[in-house]
């Protein structure tokens, strides 16, 4: 969701800087791992002694109160409009309340079958969210295309058995190793919906870095 459908990077960074300042911790080291992870998992990695429900509530509450600058990623609105509602969903490391608030701030809606951090025991990079999301859609994960922007999400999508399209909205391509396709944003993905299948054309891609093998790169 964040970095894929909507741009919330400034909010994420402001909130984590505030939290780090409260606890006199280095913000930069936290920000290097915060994108694409559940709040609790970021806390466990950055400051295990502070990985509590109270700290999670403070951070997510602060993020929900600060929606300044949140907007759709380029290409997100037309792509969603081209997708049948029954053929896509959101898998996010945010909680349901935060996910709903951010999407609404960007003029978008959270699908009813979305998977949030409230729905899984293990967050990204584990595949649990994507496996659950595919099941809710009625598909096997290996018949799905995952769209991600952060290394934990790319790893989760691959672990689920899906193809992965990565966007360089929050990370450089060097950090997205493992993706099948890498593009700047959703303006490079075009969908045609048929009766029984979706045709997805990916253009203007950046070759993924995978053992110098660029065979997965497809360009219009």
Protein backbone atom coordinates (compact mmCIF):
# COMPACT_ATOMS: atom_id res chain seq x y z
CA UNK A 1 0.00 0.00 0.00
CA UNK A 2 2.50 2.64 1.18
CA UNK A 3 4.93 3.31 -1.64
CA UNK A 4 2.75 1.35 -4.07
CA UNK A 5 -0.68 3.00 -4.08
CA UNK A 6 0.07 6.04 -1.97
CA UNK A 7 3.01 8.23 -1.04
CA UNK A 8 3.28 8.46 2.74
CA UNK A 9 7.05 8.52 3.01
CA UNK A 10 7.22 12.00 4.54
CA UNK A 11 4.70 11.03 7.24
CA UNK A 12 6.55 7.81 8.05
CA UNK A 13 9.85 9.64 8.36
CA UNK A 14 8.41 12.47 10.47
CA UNK A 15 6.79 10.03 12.88
CA UNK A 16 9.81 7.81 13.33
CA UNK A 17 12.05 10.84 13.83
CA UNK A 18 9.72 12.08 16.57
CA UNK A 19 9.67 8.66 18.19
CA UNK A 20 13.47 8.30 17.98
CA UNK A 21 13.92 11.73 19.53
CA UNK A 22 11.66 10.78 22.46
CA UNK A 23 13.90 7.82 23.20
CA UNK A 24 17.22 9.42 22.19
CA UNK A 25 17.81 6.87 19.45
CA UNK A 26 19.44 7.42 16.02
CA UNK A 27 16.60 8.05 13.57
CA UNK A 28 18.56 7.26 10.42
CA UNK A 29 19.27 3.66 11.40
CA UNK A 30 15.57 3.13 12.16
CA UNK A 31 14.43 4.68 8.89
CA UNK A 32 16.68 2.33 6.94
CA UNK A 33 14.52 -0.60 8.06
CA UNK A 34 11.11 0.97 8.73
CA UNK A 35 9.66 1.05 5.22
CA UNK A 36 7.65 -2.04 4.34
CA UNK A 37 7.60 -3.53 7.85
CA UNK A 38 4.97 -3.66 10.55
CA UNK A 39 5.56 -1.14 13.32
CA UNK A 40 6.10 -3.95 15.83
CA UNK A 41 8.67 -5.65 13.61
CA UNK A 42 10.57 -2.37 13.15
CA UNK A 43 10.65 -1.91 16.92
CA UNK A 44 11.84 -5.48 17.44
CA UNK A 45 14.72 -4.88 15.03
CA UNK A 46 15.65 -1.36 16.14
CA UNK A 47 14.96 -1.39 19.89
CA UNK A 48 13.72 -4.76 21.20
CA UNK A 49 13.25 -3.45 24.73
CA UNK A 50 10.72 -0.93 23.37
CA UNK A 51 8.74 -3.40 21.24
CA UNK A 52 5.54 -3.04 23.26
CA UNK A 53 1.87 -2.53 22.46
CA UNK A 54 2.07 0.92 24.03
CA UNK A 55 4.87 2.06 21.71
CA UNK A 56 3.08 0.62 18.68
CA UNK A 57 -0.07 2.52 19.67
CA UNK A 58 1.88 5.78 20.05
CA UNK A 59 3.57 5.47 16.66
CA UNK A 60 0.48 4.41 14.73
CA UNK A 61 -1.62 7.04 16.48
CA UNK A 62 0.89 9.72 15.51
CA UNK A 63 0.89 8.48 11.91
CA UNK A 64 -2.90 8.57 11.77
CA UNK A 65 -2.97 12.14 13.07
CA UNK A 66 -0.39 13.29 10.53
CA UNK A 67 -1.72 12.79 6.99
CA UNK A 68 -0.19 15.96 5.56
CA UNK A 69 1.18 15.32 2.09
CA UNK A 70 -0.29 11.83 1.67
CA UNK A 71 -1.38 11.31 -1.93
CA UNK A 72 -1.63 8.65 -4.63
CA UNK A 73 1.48 7.26 -6.31
CA UNK A 74 1.60 8.31 -9.99
CA UNK A 75 -0.43 5.83 -12.02
CA UNK A 76 -2.30 4.35 -9.05
CA UNK A 77 -5.71 5.85 -9.77
CA UNK A 78 -5.99 4.75 -13.44
CA UNK A 79 -4.55 1.32 -12.64
CA UNK A 80 -7.13 0.68 -9.91
CA UNK A 81 -9.88 1.91 -12.23
CA UNK A 82 -8.81 -0.69 -14.81
CA UNK A 83 -8.85 -3.58 -12.33
CA UNK A 84 -12.06 -5.51 -11.59
CA UNK A 85 -12.68 -5.28 -7.81
CA UNK A 86 -12.66 -9.06 -7.49
CA UNK A 87 -9.18 -9.37 -9.00
CA UNK A 88 -7.02 -7.29 -6.68
CA UNK A 89 -6.55 -6.40 -3.04
CA UNK A 90 -4.20 -4.65 -0.63
CA UNK A 91 -1.65 -6.42 1.57
CA UNK A 92 -0.19 -3.88 3.98
CA UNK A 93 2.07 -3.71 7.01
CA UNK A 94 -0.18 -0.98 8.43
CA UNK A 95 -3.06 -1.67 10.77
CA UNK A 96 -6.60 -1.47 9.37
CA UNK A 97 -7.40 1.91 10.94
CA UNK A 98 -4.18 3.49 9.66
CA UNK A 99 -4.54 1.89 6.22
CA UNK A 100 -8.09 3.19 5.90
CA UNK A 101 -7.11 6.70 7.00
CA UNK A 102 -4.16 6.98 4.65
CA UNK A 103 -6.01 5.65 1.63
CA UNK A 104 -8.92 8.01 2.27
CA UNK A 105 -6.46 10.91 2.54
CA UNK A 106 -5.19 9.91 -0.92
CA UNK A 107 -8.73 9.68 -2.33
CA UNK A 108 -8.68 5.87 -2.39
CA UNK A 109 -10.53 3.12 -0.51
CA UNK A 110 -9.38 0.02 1.33
CA UNK A 111 -10.84 -3.11 -0.31
CA UNK A 112 -13.11 -5.18 1.92
CA UNK A 113 -10.86 -8.23 1.49
CA UNK A 114 -7.64 -6.35 2.29
CA UNK A 115 -5.04 -7.95 4.55
CA UNK A 116 -3.57 -5.65 7.20
CA UNK A 117 -1.10 -6.19 10.01
CA UNK A 118 -4.09 -6.99 12.23
CA UNK A 119 -4.82 -10.13 10.18
CA UNK A 120 -1.51 -12.01 10.35
CA UNK A 121 0.79 -13.32 13.06
CA UNK A 122 3.91 -12.74 10.96
CA UNK A 123 4.52 -9.66 8.84
CA UNK A 124 6.71 -9.18 5.80
CA UNK A 125 9.21 -10.64 4.82
CA UNK A 126 7.14 -13.73 5.72
CA UNK A 127 4.63 -14.68 3.00
CA UNK A 128 1.61 -14.98 5.31
CA UNK A 129 -0.09 -11.78 4.15
CA UNK A 130 0.21 -12.60 0.47
CA UNK A 131 -0.95 -16.17 0.95
CA UNK A 132 -4.00 -14.94 2.86
CA UNK A 133 -4.70 -12.23 0.30
CA UNK A 134 -4.56 -14.71 -2.59
CA UNK A 135 -6.89 -17.06 -0.72
CA UNK A 136 -9.39 -14.26 -0.10
CA UNK A 137 -9.37 -13.53 -3.83
CA UNK A 138 -9.83 -17.21 -4.61
CA UNK A 139 -6.49 -17.67 -6.38
CA UNK A 140 -3.26 -19.53 -5.76
CA UNK A 141 -0.44 -17.13 -4.93
CA UNK A 142 1.61 -18.36 -7.89
CA UNK A 143 -1.16 -17.07 -10.17
CA UNK A 144 -0.82 -13.56 -8.72
CA UNK A 145 1.37 -10.54 -9.38
CA UNK A 146 2.61 -8.79 -6.25
CA UNK A 147 3.47 -5.09 -6.52
CA UNK A 148 5.96 -3.89 -3.91
CA UNK A 149 8.34 -1.06 -3.11
CA UNK A 150 10.48 -2.39 -0.25
CA UNK A 151 12.83 -5.35 0.27
CA UNK A 152 10.68 -7.08 2.94
CA UNK A 153 7.69 -7.02 0.61
CA UNK A 154 9.65 -8.30 -2.38
CA UNK A 155 10.94 -11.15 -0.24
CA UNK A 156 7.42 -11.90 1.03
CA UNK A 157 5.97 -11.98 -2.46
CA UNK A 158 8.67 -14.31 -3.73
CA UNK A 159 8.28 -16.57 -0.69
CA UNK A 160 4.56 -16.81 -1.45
CA UNK A 161 5.38 -18.02 -4.95
CA UNK A 162 4.09 -14.95 -6.79
CA UNK A 163 5.73 -12.89 -9.52
CA UNK A 164 6.88 -9.54 -8.14
CA UNK A 165 6.79 -6.11 -9.77
CA UNK A 166 8.86 -3.63 -7.75
CA UNK A 167 8.56 0.16 -7.80
CA UNK A 168 11.53 2.43 -7.07
CA UNK A 169 9.33 4.85 -5.12
CA UNK A 170 11.08 4.31 -1.77
CA UNK A 171 14.15 2.20 -2.57
CA UNK A 172 16.78 2.13 -5.29
CA UNK A 173 16.79 -0.90 -7.57
CA UNK A 174 19.87 -2.27 -5.81
CA UNK A 175 17.69 -2.86 -2.76
CA UNK A 176 14.99 -4.68 -4.71
CA UNK A 177 16.94 -7.78 -5.63
CA UNK A 178 14.58 -10.66 -6.24
CA UNK A 179 11.87 -8.76 -8.10
CA UNK A 180 10.91 -10.05 -11.54
CA UNK A 181 10.34 -6.55 -12.89
CA UNK A 182 11.37 -3.11 -11.64
CA UNK A 183 9.77 0.16 -12.78
CA UNK A 184 9.72 3.74 -11.45
CA UNK A 185 6.00 3.80 -10.55
CA UNK A 186 2.59 2.54 -11.65
CA UNK A 187 2.53 4.65 -14.81
CA UNK A 188 4.65 1.86 -16.27
CA UNK A 189 2.01 -0.84 -15.69
CA UNK A 190 -1.06 -1.17 -17.90
CA UNK A 191 -3.93 -3.59 -17.36
CA UNK A 192 -6.49 -5.00 -19.76
CA UNK A 193 -9.20 -7.04 -18.07
CA UNK A 194 -10.69 -9.98 -19.94
CA UNK A 195 -13.47 -12.35 -18.97
CA UNK A 196 -11.13 -14.89 -17.44
CA UNK A 197 -7.71 -13.24 -17.24
CA UNK A 198 -5.82 -9.99 -16.81
CA UNK A 199 -3.23 -8.84 -19.35
CA UNK A 200 -0.53 -6.74 -17.71
CA UNK A 201 1.92 -4.80 -19.86
CA UNK A 202 5.04 -3.50 -18.12
CA UNK A 203 7.02 -0.77 -19.85
CA UNK A 204 9.99 1.48 -19.21
CA UNK A 205 11.41 -1.02 -16.79
CA UNK A 206 14.73 -1.05 -15.00
CA UNK A 207 16.45 -4.44 -15.31
CA UNK A 208 16.33 -6.28 -11.99
CA UNK A 209 19.65 -7.22 -10.48
CA UNK A 210 19.65 -10.98 -10.16
CA UNK A 211 22.98 -12.64 -10.93
CA UNK A 212 23.32 -10.40 -14.00
CA UNK A 213 20.34 -12.23 -15.54
CA UNK A 214 17.96 -9.70 -17.06
CA UNK A 215 15.74 -12.19 -18.87
CA UNK A 216 12.78 -11.25 -16.67
CA UNK A 217 12.89 -7.66 -17.92
CA UNK A 218 10.07 -6.93 -20.32
CA UNK A 219 9.64 -3.66 -22.16
CA UNK A 220 7.07 -2.34 -24.56
